[in-house]
N, C-alpha and C. Protein backbone atom coordinates (compact mmCIF):
# COMPACT_ATOMS: atom_id res chain seq x y z
N MET A 1 19.96 -35.97 6.67
CA MET A 1 19.68 -37.18 7.43
C MET A 1 20.02 -36.91 8.89
N SER A 2 19.14 -37.31 9.80
CA SER A 2 19.36 -37.03 11.21
C SER A 2 20.29 -38.07 11.82
N ASP A 3 20.96 -37.67 12.90
CA ASP A 3 21.84 -38.58 13.61
C ASP A 3 21.00 -39.61 14.34
N PRO A 4 21.57 -40.82 14.54
CA PRO A 4 20.82 -41.82 15.31
C PRO A 4 20.62 -41.35 16.74
N ILE A 5 19.56 -41.83 17.35
CA ILE A 5 19.25 -41.47 18.73
C ILE A 5 20.28 -42.13 19.64
N GLU A 6 20.82 -41.36 20.55
CA GLU A 6 21.80 -41.91 21.49
C GLU A 6 21.05 -42.49 22.67
N VAL A 7 21.28 -43.76 22.92
CA VAL A 7 20.63 -44.46 24.01
C VAL A 7 21.53 -44.35 25.24
N PRO A 8 20.95 -44.05 26.41
CA PRO A 8 21.77 -43.92 27.61
C PRO A 8 22.49 -45.22 27.96
N GLY A 9 23.62 -45.08 28.65
CA GLY A 9 24.41 -46.24 29.03
C GLY A 9 23.82 -47.03 30.17
N ASP A 10 22.92 -46.46 30.93
CA ASP A 10 22.30 -47.15 32.06
C ASP A 10 21.40 -48.26 31.53
N PRO A 11 21.69 -49.54 31.87
CA PRO A 11 20.87 -50.64 31.33
C PRO A 11 19.42 -50.60 31.81
N HIS A 12 19.13 -49.86 32.87
CA HIS A 12 17.75 -49.78 33.37
C HIS A 12 17.01 -48.58 32.79
N ALA A 13 17.70 -47.72 32.07
CA ALA A 13 17.05 -46.55 31.47
C ALA A 13 16.28 -46.99 30.23
N SER A 14 15.16 -46.38 30.01
CA SER A 14 14.34 -46.70 28.85
C SER A 14 14.62 -45.72 27.72
N PRO A 15 15.02 -46.19 26.55
CA PRO A 15 15.24 -45.27 25.43
C PRO A 15 13.96 -44.59 24.99
N PHE A 16 12.80 -45.19 25.33
CA PHE A 16 11.54 -44.59 24.93
C PHE A 16 11.30 -43.26 25.64
N LYS A 17 11.89 -43.08 26.80
CA LYS A 17 11.73 -41.80 27.50
C LYS A 17 12.35 -40.68 26.69
N LEU A 18 13.28 -41.03 25.80
CA LEU A 18 13.95 -40.03 24.99
C LEU A 18 13.19 -39.69 23.72
N VAL A 19 12.41 -40.63 23.21
CA VAL A 19 11.81 -40.43 21.89
C VAL A 19 10.29 -40.38 21.87
N ILE A 20 9.64 -40.78 22.95
CA ILE A 20 8.18 -40.81 22.98
C ILE A 20 7.67 -39.71 23.90
N ASP A 21 6.67 -39.02 23.43
CA ASP A 21 6.04 -37.94 24.18
C ASP A 21 5.56 -38.46 25.54
N PRO A 22 5.95 -37.79 26.64
CA PRO A 22 5.53 -38.26 27.98
C PRO A 22 4.01 -38.32 28.14
N ALA A 23 3.28 -37.40 27.53
CA ALA A 23 1.81 -37.44 27.64
C ALA A 23 1.25 -38.68 26.95
N LEU A 24 1.83 -39.04 25.82
CA LEU A 24 1.41 -40.25 25.11
C LEU A 24 1.70 -41.48 25.97
N ARG A 25 2.87 -41.53 26.57
CA ARG A 25 3.22 -42.66 27.44
C ARG A 25 2.23 -42.77 28.60
N GLU A 26 1.83 -41.65 29.15
CA GLU A 26 0.89 -41.66 30.27
C GLU A 26 -0.48 -42.16 29.82
N ARG A 27 -0.95 -41.75 28.64
CA ARG A 27 -2.24 -42.24 28.12
C ARG A 27 -2.17 -43.74 27.86
N LEU A 28 -1.04 -44.21 27.32
CA LEU A 28 -0.88 -45.64 27.07
C LEU A 28 -0.86 -46.42 28.39
N ARG A 29 -0.16 -45.89 29.36
CA ARG A 29 -0.10 -46.54 30.68
C ARG A 29 -1.50 -46.63 31.29
N LYS A 30 -2.27 -45.55 31.21
CA LYS A 30 -3.64 -45.55 31.75
C LYS A 30 -4.52 -46.56 31.01
N ALA A 31 -4.40 -46.61 29.69
CA ALA A 31 -5.20 -47.56 28.90
C ALA A 31 -4.85 -48.99 29.29
N LEU A 32 -3.58 -49.27 29.49
CA LEU A 32 -3.17 -50.61 29.90
C LEU A 32 -3.69 -50.95 31.30
N LEU A 33 -3.62 -49.98 32.21
CA LEU A 33 -4.14 -50.22 33.56
C LEU A 33 -5.65 -50.44 33.53
N ASP A 34 -6.36 -49.68 32.70
CA ASP A 34 -7.81 -49.88 32.56
C ASP A 34 -8.11 -51.27 32.00
N LEU A 35 -7.32 -51.70 31.03
CA LEU A 35 -7.51 -53.02 30.45
C LEU A 35 -7.25 -54.11 31.48
N ILE A 36 -6.20 -53.94 32.26
CA ILE A 36 -5.87 -54.90 33.32
C ILE A 36 -7.01 -54.96 34.34
N GLU A 37 -7.51 -53.80 34.74
CA GLU A 37 -8.61 -53.75 35.71
C GLU A 37 -9.86 -54.43 35.16
N ASN A 38 -10.15 -54.21 33.89
CA ASN A 38 -11.31 -54.83 33.27
C ASN A 38 -11.17 -56.35 33.26
N HIS A 39 -10.00 -56.85 32.87
CA HIS A 39 -9.78 -58.30 32.85
C HIS A 39 -9.90 -58.89 34.25
N ASP A 40 -9.35 -58.19 35.23
CA ASP A 40 -9.43 -58.66 36.62
C ASP A 40 -10.88 -58.75 37.07
N GLN A 41 -11.67 -57.72 36.78
CA GLN A 41 -13.08 -57.71 37.18
C GLN A 41 -13.87 -58.82 36.49
N GLU A 42 -13.58 -59.05 35.22
CA GLU A 42 -14.30 -60.10 34.48
C GLU A 42 -13.96 -61.48 35.02
N LEU A 43 -12.67 -61.73 35.30
CA LEU A 43 -12.30 -63.03 35.88
C LEU A 43 -12.92 -63.21 37.26
N GLU A 44 -12.91 -62.14 38.05
CA GLU A 44 -13.51 -62.20 39.39
C GLU A 44 -15.00 -62.51 39.30
N LYS A 45 -15.68 -61.85 38.36
CA LYS A 45 -17.12 -62.08 38.18
C LYS A 45 -17.39 -63.52 37.74
N CYS A 46 -16.60 -64.03 36.81
CA CYS A 46 -16.78 -65.42 36.35
C CYS A 46 -16.56 -66.41 37.49
N ALA A 47 -15.56 -66.14 38.33
CA ALA A 47 -15.29 -67.03 39.47
C ALA A 47 -16.43 -66.94 40.48
N ALA A 48 -16.90 -65.73 40.76
CA ALA A 48 -17.98 -65.54 41.74
C ALA A 48 -19.28 -66.17 41.26
N ASP A 49 -19.53 -66.12 39.94
CA ASP A 49 -20.77 -66.69 39.39
C ASP A 49 -20.69 -68.20 39.18
N GLY A 50 -19.53 -68.79 39.50
CA GLY A 50 -19.38 -70.23 39.39
C GLY A 50 -19.03 -70.73 38.00
N PHE A 51 -18.69 -69.83 37.09
CA PHE A 51 -18.33 -70.23 35.73
C PHE A 51 -16.85 -70.55 35.59
N LEU A 52 -16.05 -70.16 36.57
CA LEU A 52 -14.60 -70.34 36.50
C LEU A 52 -14.12 -70.93 37.81
N GLU A 53 -13.40 -72.02 37.71
CA GLU A 53 -12.85 -72.67 38.90
C GLU A 53 -11.34 -72.43 38.91
N LEU A 54 -10.87 -71.90 40.02
CA LEU A 54 -9.43 -71.64 40.18
C LEU A 54 -8.91 -72.44 41.36
N ASP A 55 -7.83 -73.16 41.14
CA ASP A 55 -7.24 -73.98 42.19
C ASP A 55 -6.10 -73.28 42.92
N SER A 56 -5.54 -72.24 42.32
CA SER A 56 -4.39 -71.60 42.94
C SER A 56 -4.20 -70.19 42.40
N THR A 57 -3.38 -69.44 43.11
CA THR A 57 -3.01 -68.10 42.64
C THR A 57 -2.23 -68.21 41.35
N LYS A 58 -1.39 -69.23 41.26
CA LYS A 58 -0.61 -69.45 40.04
C LYS A 58 -1.53 -69.61 38.83
N GLU A 59 -2.58 -70.40 39.00
CA GLU A 59 -3.53 -70.61 37.91
C GLU A 59 -4.22 -69.30 37.52
N TYR A 60 -4.58 -68.49 38.53
CA TYR A 60 -5.20 -67.20 38.25
C TYR A 60 -4.26 -66.32 37.42
N VAL A 61 -3.01 -66.24 37.82
CA VAL A 61 -2.04 -65.40 37.11
C VAL A 61 -1.85 -65.91 35.68
N GLU A 62 -1.80 -67.22 35.52
CA GLU A 62 -1.65 -67.79 34.17
C GLU A 62 -2.84 -67.45 33.28
N LEU A 63 -4.05 -67.60 33.84
CA LEU A 63 -5.25 -67.25 33.06
C LEU A 63 -5.31 -65.76 32.76
N PHE A 64 -4.99 -64.96 33.76
CA PHE A 64 -4.99 -63.50 33.60
C PHE A 64 -4.02 -63.09 32.49
N ALA A 65 -2.82 -63.64 32.52
CA ALA A 65 -1.82 -63.32 31.50
C ALA A 65 -2.29 -63.76 30.11
N ARG A 66 -2.89 -64.94 30.04
CA ARG A 66 -3.38 -65.42 28.75
C ARG A 66 -4.47 -64.52 28.19
N HIS A 67 -5.38 -64.10 29.06
CA HIS A 67 -6.46 -63.21 28.60
C HIS A 67 -5.91 -61.88 28.10
N LEU A 68 -4.94 -61.33 28.81
CA LEU A 68 -4.33 -60.07 28.35
C LEU A 68 -3.62 -60.28 27.01
N ARG A 69 -2.86 -61.37 26.90
CA ARG A 69 -2.16 -61.65 25.65
C ARG A 69 -3.15 -61.82 24.51
N ASP A 70 -4.22 -62.55 24.78
CA ASP A 70 -5.22 -62.78 23.73
C ASP A 70 -5.86 -61.46 23.30
N THR A 71 -6.10 -60.56 24.23
CA THR A 71 -6.69 -59.27 23.89
C THR A 71 -5.70 -58.38 23.14
N LEU A 72 -4.50 -58.28 23.67
CA LEU A 72 -3.51 -57.38 23.07
C LEU A 72 -2.96 -57.93 21.76
N GLY A 73 -3.17 -59.20 21.50
CA GLY A 73 -2.71 -59.80 20.26
C GLY A 73 -3.73 -59.72 19.14
N THR A 74 -4.80 -58.94 19.35
CA THR A 74 -5.84 -58.80 18.33
C THR A 74 -5.84 -57.39 17.77
N LYS A 75 -6.39 -57.26 16.60
CA LYS A 75 -6.52 -55.94 15.98
C LYS A 75 -7.40 -55.03 16.84
N ASP A 76 -8.46 -55.59 17.43
CA ASP A 76 -9.34 -54.79 18.29
C ASP A 76 -8.60 -54.31 19.53
N GLY A 77 -7.76 -55.18 20.12
CA GLY A 77 -7.00 -54.79 21.30
C GLY A 77 -6.03 -53.67 21.02
N VAL A 78 -5.33 -53.77 19.90
CA VAL A 78 -4.38 -52.71 19.53
C VAL A 78 -5.13 -51.44 19.15
N ALA A 79 -6.27 -51.57 18.47
CA ALA A 79 -7.08 -50.40 18.11
C ALA A 79 -7.56 -49.68 19.37
N TYR A 80 -7.91 -50.45 20.42
CA TYR A 80 -8.32 -49.86 21.70
C TYR A 80 -7.18 -49.01 22.27
N LEU A 81 -5.97 -49.56 22.29
CA LEU A 81 -4.83 -48.80 22.81
C LEU A 81 -4.55 -47.57 21.98
N LEU A 82 -4.61 -47.70 20.66
CA LEU A 82 -4.39 -46.54 19.79
C LEU A 82 -5.43 -45.45 20.05
N ALA A 83 -6.70 -45.84 20.16
CA ALA A 83 -7.76 -44.86 20.42
C ALA A 83 -7.56 -44.18 21.77
N ALA A 84 -7.15 -44.97 22.78
CA ALA A 84 -6.92 -44.40 24.11
C ALA A 84 -5.77 -43.40 24.09
N CYS A 85 -4.87 -43.56 23.15
CA CYS A 85 -3.72 -42.66 23.03
C CYS A 85 -4.01 -41.49 22.09
N GLY A 86 -5.24 -41.41 21.59
CA GLY A 86 -5.61 -40.29 20.74
C GLY A 86 -5.48 -40.55 19.25
N PHE A 87 -5.35 -41.81 18.87
CA PHE A 87 -5.22 -42.17 17.47
C PHE A 87 -6.30 -43.17 17.08
N PRO A 88 -7.53 -42.70 16.87
CA PRO A 88 -8.60 -43.63 16.51
C PRO A 88 -8.30 -44.26 15.14
N VAL A 89 -8.15 -45.56 15.13
CA VAL A 89 -7.82 -46.31 13.93
C VAL A 89 -8.79 -47.48 13.83
N ALA A 90 -9.29 -47.72 12.64
CA ALA A 90 -10.16 -48.89 12.45
C ALA A 90 -9.34 -50.15 12.69
N ALA A 91 -9.97 -51.12 13.34
CA ALA A 91 -9.26 -52.37 13.65
C ALA A 91 -8.68 -53.01 12.39
N ASP A 92 -9.37 -52.87 11.27
CA ASP A 92 -8.87 -53.46 10.02
C ASP A 92 -7.57 -52.82 9.56
N ASP A 93 -7.27 -51.62 10.04
CA ASP A 93 -6.06 -50.92 9.63
C ASP A 93 -4.87 -51.18 10.56
N VAL A 94 -5.06 -51.97 11.59
CA VAL A 94 -3.99 -52.26 12.55
C VAL A 94 -3.06 -53.32 11.98
N GLU A 95 -1.77 -53.08 12.09
CA GLU A 95 -0.75 -54.03 11.66
C GLU A 95 -0.27 -54.79 12.88
N LEU A 96 -0.59 -56.09 12.96
CA LEU A 96 -0.21 -56.89 14.12
C LEU A 96 1.22 -57.41 14.04
N ASN A 97 1.79 -57.42 12.88
CA ASN A 97 3.14 -57.97 12.71
C ASN A 97 4.14 -56.89 12.33
N ARG A 98 3.98 -55.74 12.94
CA ARG A 98 4.89 -54.62 12.68
C ARG A 98 6.31 -55.04 13.02
N GLN A 99 7.22 -54.77 12.11
CA GLN A 99 8.62 -55.12 12.33
C GLN A 99 9.29 -54.03 13.16
N THR A 100 10.15 -54.43 14.08
CA THR A 100 10.94 -53.50 14.87
C THR A 100 12.17 -53.16 14.05
N ARG A 101 12.45 -51.87 13.92
CA ARG A 101 13.61 -51.42 13.14
C ARG A 101 14.66 -50.87 14.09
N TRP A 102 15.56 -51.73 14.52
CA TRP A 102 16.61 -51.32 15.45
C TRP A 102 17.70 -50.57 14.70
N LYS A 103 18.21 -49.54 15.31
CA LYS A 103 19.32 -48.79 14.73
C LYS A 103 20.61 -49.33 15.31
N VAL A 104 21.60 -49.47 14.48
CA VAL A 104 22.89 -49.95 14.90
C VAL A 104 23.70 -48.76 15.41
N GLN A 105 24.19 -48.88 16.63
CA GLN A 105 25.01 -47.81 17.20
C GLN A 105 26.46 -48.03 16.83
N ARG A 106 27.13 -46.93 16.57
CA ARG A 106 28.55 -47.02 16.21
C ARG A 106 29.39 -46.32 17.23
């Protein structure tokens, strides 16, 4: 049995830097940035075409966040991220309610 992963004491340090392949993290970061850019372009197009009325920057950010949440909360959204990271998975095989398994440090 392997020892638990030691998490750094710095509260700003990410434990994922210790356990996740840096290349995978970079592919995930790029996929997320591409998704953000796509959502931004679509909202901009809807506003420019007169299909979306925005009264404030706050409203734009709220809509933008909702659209991202709605996308990332779907099997297709997670399948997109998995494929972008090199793991093509059918959307039907995506587990949306994956449990986080925290290790207790002693």
